[in-house]
N, C-alpha and C. Protein backbone atom coordinates (compact mmCIF):
# COMPACT_ATOMS: atom_id res chain seq x y z
N MET A 1 -22.33 -5.95 6.35
CA MET A 1 -21.03 -6.39 6.82
C MET A 1 -19.96 -5.52 6.17
N LYS A 2 -19.06 -5.00 6.98
CA LYS A 2 -17.97 -4.17 6.47
C LYS A 2 -16.75 -5.04 6.25
N LEU A 3 -15.82 -4.54 5.41
CA LEU A 3 -14.61 -5.30 5.08
C LEU A 3 -13.85 -5.70 6.33
N HIS A 4 -13.64 -4.75 7.26
CA HIS A 4 -12.83 -5.07 8.43
C HIS A 4 -13.53 -6.04 9.39
N ASP A 5 -14.86 -6.21 9.25
CA ASP A 5 -15.58 -7.15 10.11
C ASP A 5 -15.28 -8.60 9.75
N GLU A 6 -14.98 -8.86 8.49
CA GLU A 6 -14.80 -10.24 8.08
C GLU A 6 -13.34 -10.69 8.06
N LEU A 7 -12.43 -9.81 8.41
CA LEU A 7 -11.02 -10.16 8.40
C LEU A 7 -10.52 -10.43 9.81
N PRO A 8 -9.60 -11.36 9.96
CA PRO A 8 -9.03 -11.62 11.28
C PRO A 8 -8.22 -10.42 11.76
N VAL A 9 -8.22 -10.19 13.06
CA VAL A 9 -7.60 -8.98 13.57
C VAL A 9 -6.20 -9.20 14.13
N ASP A 10 -6.02 -10.20 14.93
CA ASP A 10 -4.77 -10.38 15.64
C ASP A 10 -3.92 -11.44 14.96
N HIS A 11 -2.99 -11.02 14.11
CA HIS A 11 -2.14 -11.98 13.44
C HIS A 11 -0.76 -11.37 13.18
N ARG A 12 0.22 -12.22 12.97
CA ARG A 12 1.61 -11.77 12.82
C ARG A 12 1.86 -11.06 11.50
N LEU A 13 0.95 -11.17 10.54
CA LEU A 13 1.13 -10.49 9.26
C LEU A 13 1.06 -8.97 9.42
N SER A 14 0.49 -8.52 10.51
CA SER A 14 0.39 -7.09 10.77
C SER A 14 1.77 -6.43 10.75
N GLN A 15 2.79 -7.14 11.18
CA GLN A 15 4.14 -6.59 11.18
C GLN A 15 4.62 -6.30 9.76
N VAL A 16 4.25 -7.15 8.80
CA VAL A 16 4.62 -6.93 7.40
C VAL A 16 3.90 -5.68 6.88
N TYR A 17 2.61 -5.56 7.18
CA TYR A 17 1.84 -4.41 6.72
C TYR A 17 2.40 -3.11 7.30
N ARG A 18 2.74 -3.17 8.59
CA ARG A 18 3.28 -1.98 9.25
C ARG A 18 4.65 -1.61 8.69
N ALA A 19 5.52 -2.58 8.52
CA ALA A 19 6.86 -2.30 8.00
C ALA A 19 6.78 -1.72 6.59
N GLY A 20 5.95 -2.30 5.75
CA GLY A 20 5.81 -1.81 4.39
C GLY A 20 5.31 -0.39 4.34
N ALA A 21 4.27 -0.11 5.10
CA ALA A 21 3.71 1.24 5.12
C ALA A 21 4.72 2.23 5.70
N GLY A 22 5.40 1.83 6.77
CA GLY A 22 6.37 2.72 7.41
C GLY A 22 7.56 3.03 6.52
N LEU A 23 8.14 2.02 5.89
CA LEU A 23 9.31 2.23 5.03
C LEU A 23 8.97 3.06 3.80
N CYS A 24 7.88 2.72 3.14
CA CYS A 24 7.49 3.47 1.94
C CYS A 24 7.06 4.88 2.31
N GLY A 25 6.37 5.02 3.44
CA GLY A 25 5.99 6.34 3.91
C GLY A 25 7.20 7.21 4.24
N ALA A 26 8.21 6.61 4.85
CA ALA A 26 9.43 7.36 5.18
C ALA A 26 10.14 7.84 3.91
N ALA A 27 10.22 6.99 2.90
CA ALA A 27 10.87 7.37 1.64
C ALA A 27 10.11 8.52 0.98
N LEU A 28 8.80 8.44 0.96
CA LEU A 28 8.00 9.51 0.36
C LEU A 28 8.11 10.80 1.17
N PHE A 29 8.17 10.67 2.48
CA PHE A 29 8.30 11.84 3.34
C PHE A 29 9.62 12.57 3.09
N VAL A 30 10.69 11.82 2.96
CA VAL A 30 12.00 12.43 2.69
C VAL A 30 11.98 13.14 1.35
N PHE A 31 11.43 12.48 0.32
CA PHE A 31 11.34 13.08 -1.01
C PHE A 31 10.53 14.37 -0.96
N GLY A 32 9.39 14.32 -0.31
CA GLY A 32 8.54 15.50 -0.22
C GLY A 32 9.18 16.64 0.56
N CYS A 33 9.83 16.31 1.66
CA CYS A 33 10.49 17.34 2.47
C CYS A 33 11.66 17.98 1.72
N LEU A 34 12.40 17.18 0.96
CA LEU A 34 13.50 17.74 0.17
C LEU A 34 12.96 18.75 -0.86
N GLY A 35 11.84 18.42 -1.47
CA GLY A 35 11.24 19.34 -2.44
C GLY A 35 10.72 20.60 -1.78
N LEU A 36 10.08 20.46 -0.63
CA LEU A 36 9.56 21.63 0.07
C LEU A 36 10.70 22.50 0.60
N ALA A 37 11.77 21.87 1.06
CA ALA A 37 12.92 22.62 1.58
C ALA A 37 13.63 23.39 0.48
N ASP A 38 13.57 22.89 -0.74
CA ASP A 38 14.19 23.59 -1.87
C ASP A 38 13.39 24.79 -2.32
N GLY A 39 12.18 24.96 -1.81
CA GLY A 39 11.34 26.10 -2.18
C GLY A 39 10.92 26.05 -3.64
N LEU A 40 10.57 24.86 -4.12
CA LEU A 40 10.19 24.70 -5.52
C LEU A 40 8.91 25.46 -5.83
N SER A 41 8.82 25.92 -7.05
CA SER A 41 7.61 26.59 -7.52
C SER A 41 6.44 25.62 -7.41
N PHE A 42 5.32 26.08 -6.87
CA PHE A 42 4.23 25.18 -6.53
C PHE A 42 3.56 24.56 -7.75
N PHE A 43 3.32 25.32 -8.80
CA PHE A 43 2.60 24.79 -9.95
C PHE A 43 3.45 24.73 -11.22
N SER A 44 4.74 24.67 -11.10
CA SER A 44 5.61 24.60 -12.27
C SER A 44 5.42 23.26 -12.98
N THR A 45 5.20 23.30 -14.29
CA THR A 45 5.07 22.04 -15.04
C THR A 45 6.42 21.54 -15.49
N ALA A 46 7.46 22.37 -15.40
CA ALA A 46 8.82 21.94 -15.77
C ALA A 46 9.44 21.13 -14.65
N GLY A 47 9.30 21.60 -13.43
CA GLY A 47 9.84 20.88 -12.28
C GLY A 47 11.34 20.95 -12.19
N GLU A 48 11.85 20.61 -11.02
CA GLU A 48 13.29 20.53 -10.78
C GLU A 48 13.60 19.14 -10.25
N THR A 49 14.83 18.71 -10.43
CA THR A 49 15.22 17.35 -10.05
C THR A 49 15.53 17.28 -8.55
N ILE A 50 14.83 16.38 -7.89
CA ILE A 50 15.05 16.09 -6.47
C ILE A 50 15.21 14.58 -6.35
N ALA A 51 16.34 14.12 -5.86
CA ALA A 51 16.62 12.69 -5.67
C ALA A 51 16.38 11.90 -6.96
N GLY A 52 16.73 12.49 -8.09
CA GLY A 52 16.62 11.80 -9.38
C GLY A 52 15.25 11.87 -10.03
N LEU A 53 14.29 12.49 -9.36
CA LEU A 53 12.94 12.61 -9.90
C LEU A 53 12.58 14.08 -10.06
N SER A 54 11.73 14.36 -11.04
CA SER A 54 11.25 15.71 -11.23
C SER A 54 10.20 16.02 -10.16
N SER A 55 10.23 17.24 -9.66
CA SER A 55 9.27 17.60 -8.62
C SER A 55 8.96 19.09 -8.68
N ASN A 56 7.82 19.45 -8.14
CA ASN A 56 7.47 20.84 -7.90
C ASN A 56 6.86 20.90 -6.49
N GLY A 57 6.44 22.06 -6.07
CA GLY A 57 5.90 22.20 -4.71
C GLY A 57 4.66 21.36 -4.48
N LEU A 58 3.80 21.25 -5.50
CA LEU A 58 2.57 20.47 -5.35
C LEU A 58 2.88 18.99 -5.19
N LEU A 59 3.78 18.46 -6.01
CA LEU A 59 4.15 17.05 -5.88
C LEU A 59 4.81 16.78 -4.54
N SER A 60 5.62 17.71 -4.07
CA SER A 60 6.24 17.56 -2.76
C SER A 60 5.20 17.50 -1.65
N LEU A 61 4.21 18.38 -1.74
CA LEU A 61 3.14 18.39 -0.74
C LEU A 61 2.32 17.10 -0.81
N VAL A 62 1.99 16.64 -2.00
CA VAL A 62 1.24 15.39 -2.17
C VAL A 62 2.04 14.22 -1.61
N SER A 63 3.35 14.23 -1.82
CA SER A 63 4.21 13.16 -1.30
C SER A 63 4.21 13.14 0.22
N VAL A 64 4.28 14.31 0.84
CA VAL A 64 4.26 14.38 2.31
C VAL A 64 2.92 13.91 2.84
N MET A 65 1.82 14.33 2.21
CA MET A 65 0.49 13.91 2.67
C MET A 65 0.29 12.41 2.51
N THR A 66 0.77 11.85 1.41
CA THR A 66 0.68 10.40 1.21
C THR A 66 1.53 9.67 2.24
N ALA A 67 2.70 10.21 2.54
CA ALA A 67 3.56 9.61 3.56
C ALA A 67 2.86 9.60 4.92
N VAL A 68 2.17 10.67 5.23
CA VAL A 68 1.46 10.74 6.51
C VAL A 68 0.37 9.67 6.57
N VAL A 69 -0.36 9.48 5.47
CA VAL A 69 -1.40 8.45 5.43
C VAL A 69 -0.78 7.07 5.66
N LEU A 70 0.34 6.79 5.00
CA LEU A 70 1.00 5.49 5.16
C LEU A 70 1.51 5.30 6.59
N VAL A 71 2.11 6.32 7.16
CA VAL A 71 2.64 6.20 8.52
C VAL A 71 1.51 6.05 9.53
N VAL A 72 0.42 6.75 9.35
CA VAL A 72 -0.73 6.58 10.25
C VAL A 72 -1.25 5.15 10.13
N GLY A 73 -1.34 4.62 8.90
CA GLY A 73 -1.73 3.23 8.72
C GLY A 73 -0.78 2.28 9.42
N ALA A 74 0.51 2.58 9.34
CA ALA A 74 1.51 1.74 10.01
C ALA A 74 1.35 1.79 11.53
N LEU A 75 1.05 2.96 12.05
CA LEU A 75 0.87 3.09 13.50
C LEU A 75 -0.38 2.36 13.98
N ILE A 76 -1.44 2.39 13.19
CA ILE A 76 -2.66 1.67 13.55
C ILE A 76 -2.44 0.17 13.42
N GLY A 77 -1.81 -0.25 12.32
CA GLY A 77 -1.48 -1.66 12.11
C GLY A 77 -2.67 -2.50 11.72
N GLY A 78 -2.48 -3.81 11.75
CA GLY A 78 -3.53 -4.77 11.46
C GLY A 78 -4.11 -4.64 10.07
N ASN A 79 -5.41 -4.91 10.00
CA ASN A 79 -6.10 -4.88 8.72
C ASN A 79 -6.18 -3.47 8.15
N ILE A 80 -6.17 -2.48 9.01
CA ILE A 80 -6.19 -1.09 8.53
C ILE A 80 -4.92 -0.81 7.74
N ALA A 81 -3.77 -1.21 8.25
CA ALA A 81 -2.51 -0.99 7.54
C ALA A 81 -2.51 -1.74 6.21
N SER A 82 -3.02 -2.94 6.20
CA SER A 82 -3.10 -3.71 4.96
C SER A 82 -3.98 -3.02 3.94
N THR A 83 -5.15 -2.57 4.37
CA THR A 83 -6.08 -1.91 3.46
C THR A 83 -5.52 -0.58 2.97
N VAL A 84 -4.87 0.17 3.85
CA VAL A 84 -4.24 1.44 3.45
C VAL A 84 -3.16 1.16 2.41
N ASN A 85 -2.34 0.13 2.63
CA ASN A 85 -1.29 -0.20 1.67
C ASN A 85 -1.88 -0.56 0.31
N ILE A 86 -2.89 -1.39 0.30
CA ILE A 86 -3.50 -1.80 -0.97
C ILE A 86 -4.10 -0.59 -1.68
N THR A 87 -4.78 0.27 -0.94
CA THR A 87 -5.42 1.44 -1.54
C THR A 87 -4.39 2.42 -2.08
N VAL A 88 -3.40 2.76 -1.27
CA VAL A 88 -2.37 3.71 -1.70
C VAL A 88 -1.57 3.12 -2.87
N GLY A 89 -1.24 1.84 -2.81
CA GLY A 89 -0.52 1.21 -3.91
C GLY A 89 -1.30 1.27 -5.22
N THR A 90 -2.59 1.00 -5.14
CA THR A 90 -3.44 1.07 -6.33
C THR A 90 -3.50 2.50 -6.87
N LEU A 91 -3.61 3.48 -5.97
CA LEU A 91 -3.64 4.87 -6.40
C LEU A 91 -2.32 5.29 -7.05
N PHE A 92 -1.20 4.77 -6.56
CA PHE A 92 0.10 5.06 -7.17
C PHE A 92 0.15 4.53 -8.60
N VAL A 93 -0.30 3.31 -8.80
CA VAL A 93 -0.28 2.73 -10.15
C VAL A 93 -1.20 3.52 -11.07
N LEU A 94 -2.40 3.86 -10.60
CA LEU A 94 -3.33 4.66 -11.41
C LEU A 94 -2.74 6.04 -11.72
N SER A 95 -2.06 6.61 -10.73
CA SER A 95 -1.40 7.90 -10.93
C SER A 95 -0.32 7.79 -12.01
N GLY A 96 0.40 6.68 -12.01
CA GLY A 96 1.41 6.47 -13.04
C GLY A 96 0.80 6.48 -14.43
N PHE A 97 -0.32 5.79 -14.60
CA PHE A 97 -0.99 5.77 -15.90
C PHE A 97 -1.52 7.15 -16.28
N ALA A 98 -2.16 7.83 -15.31
CA ALA A 98 -2.71 9.16 -15.59
C ALA A 98 -1.62 10.14 -15.96
N ASN A 99 -0.52 10.12 -15.21
CA ASN A 99 0.56 11.05 -15.49
C ASN A 99 1.34 10.68 -16.74
N LEU A 100 1.33 9.43 -17.11
CA LEU A 100 1.93 9.02 -18.38
C LEU A 100 1.18 9.67 -19.54
N ALA A 101 -0.13 9.73 -19.42
CA ALA A 101 -0.94 10.37 -20.46
C ALA A 101 -0.74 11.88 -20.50
N LEU A 102 -0.34 12.46 -19.36
CA LEU A 102 -0.19 13.92 -19.29
C LEU A 102 1.23 14.41 -19.55
N LEU A 103 2.17 13.52 -19.76
CA LEU A 103 3.56 13.94 -20.02
C LEU A 103 3.60 14.92 -21.20
N GLU A 104 4.48 15.89 -21.10
CA GLU A 104 4.70 16.88 -22.16
C GLU A 104 3.45 17.69 -22.50
N SER A 105 2.53 17.81 -21.53
CA SER A 105 1.35 18.65 -21.78
C SER A 105 1.27 19.73 -20.70
N SER A 106 0.44 20.73 -20.95
CA SER A 106 0.28 21.80 -19.97
C SER A 106 -0.55 21.35 -18.76
N ALA A 107 -1.19 20.19 -18.86
CA ALA A 107 -1.97 19.65 -17.74
C ALA A 107 -1.11 18.85 -16.75
N ASN A 108 0.17 18.79 -16.98
CA ASN A 108 1.10 18.04 -16.13
C ASN A 108 1.43 18.87 -14.89
N ILE A 109 0.44 19.06 -14.02
CA ILE A 109 0.61 19.97 -12.88
C ILE A 109 1.52 19.41 -11.80
N LEU A 110 1.85 18.11 -11.85
CA LEU A 110 2.77 17.53 -10.86
C LEU A 110 4.20 17.45 -11.39
N ALA A 111 4.44 18.02 -12.57
CA ALA A 111 5.76 18.07 -13.19
C ALA A 111 6.38 16.68 -13.36
N PHE A 112 5.57 15.71 -13.73
CA PHE A 112 6.05 14.34 -13.93
C PHE A 112 6.89 14.25 -15.19
N ARG A 113 7.88 13.39 -15.11
CA ARG A 113 8.66 12.96 -16.28
C ARG A 113 8.63 11.44 -16.27
N LEU A 114 9.22 10.83 -17.25
CA LEU A 114 9.16 9.37 -17.35
C LEU A 114 9.73 8.66 -16.11
N PRO A 115 10.83 9.11 -15.52
CA PRO A 115 11.30 8.45 -14.28
C PRO A 115 10.26 8.51 -13.15
N ASN A 116 9.50 9.60 -13.08
CA ASN A 116 8.44 9.69 -12.06
C ASN A 116 7.35 8.66 -12.31
N VAL A 117 7.00 8.47 -13.59
CA VAL A 117 5.98 7.48 -13.93
C VAL A 117 6.46 6.08 -13.54
N LEU A 118 7.70 5.76 -13.89
CA LEU A 118 8.25 4.46 -13.52
C LEU A 118 8.31 4.30 -12.00
N PHE A 119 8.69 5.36 -11.30
CA PHE A 119 8.71 5.32 -9.85
C PHE A 119 7.31 5.06 -9.29
N SER A 120 6.30 5.70 -9.87
CA SER A 120 4.91 5.48 -9.42
C SER A 120 4.50 4.03 -9.59
N PHE A 121 4.85 3.44 -10.73
CA PHE A 121 4.52 2.03 -10.95
C PHE A 121 5.22 1.13 -9.94
N VAL A 122 6.52 1.32 -9.78
CA VAL A 122 7.30 0.47 -8.88
C VAL A 122 6.86 0.66 -7.43
N MET A 123 6.75 1.90 -6.99
CA MET A 123 6.34 2.17 -5.61
C MET A 123 4.93 1.67 -5.36
N GLY A 124 4.04 1.86 -6.31
CA GLY A 124 2.66 1.39 -6.16
C GLY A 124 2.59 -0.12 -6.03
N LEU A 125 3.33 -0.83 -6.87
CA LEU A 125 3.33 -2.29 -6.78
C LEU A 125 3.98 -2.76 -5.48
N LEU A 126 5.01 -2.08 -5.05
CA LEU A 126 5.68 -2.44 -3.79
C LEU A 126 4.74 -2.24 -2.60
N ILE A 127 4.09 -1.09 -2.53
CA ILE A 127 3.19 -0.81 -1.42
C ILE A 127 2.01 -1.79 -1.43
N ALA A 128 1.42 -2.01 -2.61
CA ALA A 128 0.29 -2.94 -2.71
C ALA A 128 0.71 -4.36 -2.33
N THR A 129 1.91 -4.76 -2.72
CA THR A 129 2.40 -6.09 -2.37
C THR A 129 2.54 -6.24 -0.86
N PHE A 130 3.06 -5.20 -0.20
CA PHE A 130 3.13 -5.23 1.26
C PHE A 130 1.73 -5.40 1.85
N GLY A 131 0.75 -4.73 1.28
CA GLY A 131 -0.62 -4.82 1.80
C GLY A 131 -1.28 -6.15 1.54
N MET A 132 -0.95 -6.79 0.42
CA MET A 132 -1.59 -8.05 0.06
C MET A 132 -0.85 -9.27 0.59
N TYR A 133 0.33 -9.05 1.15
CA TYR A 133 1.16 -10.17 1.59
C TYR A 133 0.39 -11.05 2.58
N GLY A 134 0.30 -12.31 2.28
CA GLY A 134 -0.37 -13.26 3.17
C GLY A 134 -1.88 -13.12 3.19
N ARG A 135 -2.42 -12.26 2.37
CA ARG A 135 -3.85 -11.98 2.39
C ARG A 135 -4.52 -12.43 1.09
N VAL A 136 -3.79 -12.36 0.00
CA VAL A 136 -4.37 -12.66 -1.30
C VAL A 136 -3.50 -13.71 -2.00
N SER A 137 -4.07 -14.86 -2.24
CA SER A 137 -3.36 -15.91 -2.96
C SER A 137 -4.31 -17.06 -3.19
N GLY A 138 -4.03 -17.82 -4.19
CA GLY A 138 -4.86 -18.99 -4.44
C GLY A 138 -4.51 -20.15 -3.53
N LYS A 139 -3.33 -20.11 -2.92
CA LYS A 139 -2.89 -21.24 -2.09
C LYS A 139 -2.35 -20.76 -0.76
N LEU A 140 -3.21 -20.15 0.03
CA LEU A 140 -2.80 -19.73 1.36
C LEU A 140 -2.63 -20.97 2.24
N PRO A 141 -1.62 -20.99 3.11
CA PRO A 141 -1.46 -22.15 4.00
C PRO A 141 -2.64 -22.26 4.96
N LEU A 142 -2.86 -23.46 5.44
CA LEU A 142 -4.02 -23.71 6.29
C LEU A 142 -3.97 -22.95 7.61
N ASP A 143 -2.79 -22.56 8.07
CA ASP A 143 -2.73 -21.82 9.33
C ASP A 143 -2.76 -20.30 9.12
N ASN A 144 -2.94 -19.84 7.87
CA ASN A 144 -3.05 -18.43 7.58
C ASN A 144 -4.37 -17.90 8.16
N PRO A 145 -4.34 -16.77 8.87
CA PRO A 145 -5.57 -16.28 9.50
C PRO A 145 -6.67 -15.94 8.49
N TYR A 146 -6.30 -15.50 7.29
CA TYR A 146 -7.31 -15.19 6.29
C TYR A 146 -7.95 -16.47 5.76
N TRP A 147 -7.14 -17.52 5.54
CA TRP A 147 -7.70 -18.80 5.10
C TRP A 147 -8.61 -19.35 6.17
N ARG A 148 -8.15 -19.29 7.42
CA ARG A 148 -8.94 -19.83 8.52
C ARG A 148 -10.26 -19.08 8.66
N HIS A 149 -10.23 -17.78 8.45
CA HIS A 149 -11.46 -17.02 8.58
C HIS A 149 -12.45 -17.35 7.46
N ARG A 150 -11.94 -17.54 6.26
CA ARG A 150 -12.81 -17.87 5.12
C ARG A 150 -13.34 -19.29 5.19
N HIS A 151 -12.66 -20.16 5.92
CA HIS A 151 -13.04 -21.56 6.01
C HIS A 151 -13.29 -21.91 7.48
N GLN A 152 -14.31 -21.30 8.03
CA GLN A 152 -14.66 -21.53 9.42
C GLN A 152 -14.89 -23.02 9.66
N ARG A 153 -14.60 -23.45 10.87
CA ARG A 153 -14.81 -24.86 11.22
C ARG A 153 -16.30 -25.16 11.14
N PRO A 154 -16.66 -26.20 10.41
CA PRO A 154 -18.08 -26.52 10.26
C PRO A 154 -18.67 -27.05 11.57
N ALA A 155 -19.97 -26.95 11.67
CA ALA A 155 -20.66 -27.47 12.85
C ALA A 155 -20.51 -28.98 12.90
N ALA A 156 -20.58 -29.54 14.12
CA ALA A 156 -20.44 -30.99 14.28
C ALA A 156 -21.49 -31.71 13.45
N GLY A 157 -21.08 -32.75 12.76
CA GLY A 157 -22.01 -33.54 11.96
C GLY A 157 -22.09 -33.10 10.51
N ASP A 158 -21.33 -32.05 10.12
CA ASP A 158 -21.35 -31.62 8.73
C ASP A 158 -20.56 -32.54 7.83
N GLY A 159 -19.71 -33.36 8.40
CA GLY A 159 -18.90 -34.28 7.60
C GLY A 159 -17.63 -33.66 7.04
N ASN A 160 -17.38 -32.39 7.32
CA ASN A 160 -16.17 -31.72 6.85
C ASN A 160 -15.20 -31.51 7.99
N ALA A 161 -14.81 -32.55 8.64
CA ALA A 161 -13.94 -32.43 9.81
C ALA A 161 -12.48 -32.28 9.44
N ALA A 162 -12.16 -32.09 8.17
CA ALA A 162 -10.77 -31.98 7.75
C ALA A 162 -10.23 -30.57 7.91
N LEU A 163 -11.05 -29.61 8.28
CA LEU A 163 -10.58 -28.25 8.44
C LEU A 163 -9.86 -28.10 9.77
N PRO A 164 -8.79 -27.32 9.83
CA PRO A 164 -8.01 -27.21 11.06
C PRO A 164 -8.76 -26.48 12.16
N GLU A 165 -8.59 -26.97 13.40
CA GLU A 165 -9.17 -26.29 14.55
C GLU A 165 -8.27 -25.15 14.98
N LYS A 166 -6.96 -25.38 15.02
CA LYS A 166 -5.96 -24.39 15.39
C LYS A 166 -4.90 -24.41 14.31
N PRO A 167 -4.11 -23.33 14.19
CA PRO A 167 -3.05 -23.34 13.19
C PRO A 167 -2.14 -24.57 13.36
N GLY A 168 -1.95 -25.31 12.28
CA GLY A 168 -1.06 -26.45 12.31
C GLY A 168 -1.71 -27.73 12.80
N GLN A 169 -2.99 -27.72 13.21
CA GLN A 169 -3.66 -28.91 13.71
C GLN A 169 -4.87 -29.21 12.84
N PHE A 170 -5.23 -30.47 12.82
CA PHE A 170 -6.44 -30.87 12.12
C PHE A 170 -7.41 -31.48 13.11
N ALA A 171 -8.70 -31.30 12.83
CA ALA A 171 -9.74 -31.87 13.68
C ALA A 171 -9.70 -33.39 13.56
N ARG A 172 -10.09 -34.06 14.60
CA ARG A 172 -10.10 -35.53 14.57
C ARG A 172 -11.52 -36.03 14.48
């Protein structure tokens, strides 16, 4: 069984996943394009300031590629957009930790500075939150498609007739 097989497909939460991926992807795309348009040195570890963050050509290219992944996820929508958001958000947070360890070293090939690390943490948490919205919680409402999928209506005679048949309704 694959992850997308066990998740509900047609639900209104897809709009949240799409909006989150699209907005964050657009912001990253603008940042990356500004860096590429400035003709920044590709592997400079010093970097130049673009929109308040340090950048070089490699970071600009990575930003554009990440933006494309997010926008493609937004265009596909549904569970794919949610999974893309969660994955990209997690990678942003991990990148923040990795680049925090590389600050002020010659291995800092993305020219990160502390504001970039903070941006990675904030953007990663924001993107992941968009992906997890309505999908991960200890107290999902009974009409949530993920709750409904995890708590399928039992067969007749199981004695668990308290599970909802349709969103907002209970079995009698």
